Protein backbone atom coordinates (compact mmCIF):
# COMPACT_ATOMS: atom_id res chain seq x y z
CA MET A 1 228.20 91.88 115.20
CA ASN A 2 227.32 89.82 118.24
CA LYS A 3 230.86 90.28 119.59
CA ASN A 4 230.41 94.05 119.50
CA LEU A 5 227.14 93.84 121.44
CA ASN A 6 228.80 91.76 124.15
CA ILE A 7 231.65 94.27 124.40
CA GLU A 8 229.12 97.12 124.65
CA GLY A 9 227.29 95.34 127.47
CA ALA A 10 230.54 94.71 129.33
CA HIS A 11 231.54 98.37 129.00
CA ARG A 12 228.14 99.48 130.26
CA SER A 13 228.40 97.36 133.42
CA ILE A 14 232.03 98.46 133.93
CA GLY A 15 230.92 102.08 133.52
CA ILE A 16 228.22 101.68 136.19
CA GLU A 17 230.68 100.03 138.59
CA SER A 18 233.40 102.63 138.04
CA ARG A 19 230.85 105.45 138.38
CA LYS A 20 230.08 104.25 141.91
CA ARG A 21 233.78 104.13 142.71
CA LEU A 22 234.68 107.42 141.02
CA LEU A 23 232.05 109.63 142.64
CA PRO A 24 234.69 112.22 143.74
CA TYR A 25 235.54 112.82 140.08
CA SER A 26 233.49 115.16 137.94
CA GLY A 27 231.32 113.85 135.10
CA ALA A 28 233.61 115.39 132.48
CA GLU A 29 236.65 113.58 133.87
CA ILE A 30 234.81 110.26 133.92
CA LYS A 31 233.64 110.80 130.34
CA PHE A 32 237.19 111.66 129.25
CA LEU A 33 238.72 108.65 130.99
CA ARG A 34 236.04 106.34 129.59
CA ASN A 35 236.59 107.69 126.06
CA CYS A 36 240.33 107.04 126.35
CA PHE A 37 239.65 103.54 127.70
CA LEU A 38 237.21 102.75 124.89
CA ARG A 39 239.59 104.12 122.25
CA ILE A 40 242.43 101.90 123.52
CA ILE A 41 240.19 98.81 123.56
CA LEU A 42 238.84 99.56 120.08
CA THR A 43 242.38 99.99 118.76
CA ILE A 44 243.47 96.68 120.28
CA PHE A 45 240.32 94.99 118.96
CA LYS A 46 240.82 96.30 115.41
CA TYR A 47 244.51 95.34 115.53
CA SER A 48 243.75 91.78 116.63
CA GLU A 49 240.99 91.48 114.01
CA SER A 50 243.28 92.63 111.18
CA ARG A 51 246.01 90.18 112.24
CA ARG A 52 243.78 87.13 111.66
């Protein structure tokens, strides 16, 4: 549970940083890219968890 909270916090700070950098992009594009990014990380996380 605690691991998930830390990951959430990291994503939030990454999102804020990338939002500053990606100002030319529209909100929808940022949301789409972030969703893809989160999905990939969640997949990797679940995969590594199930391998233990």
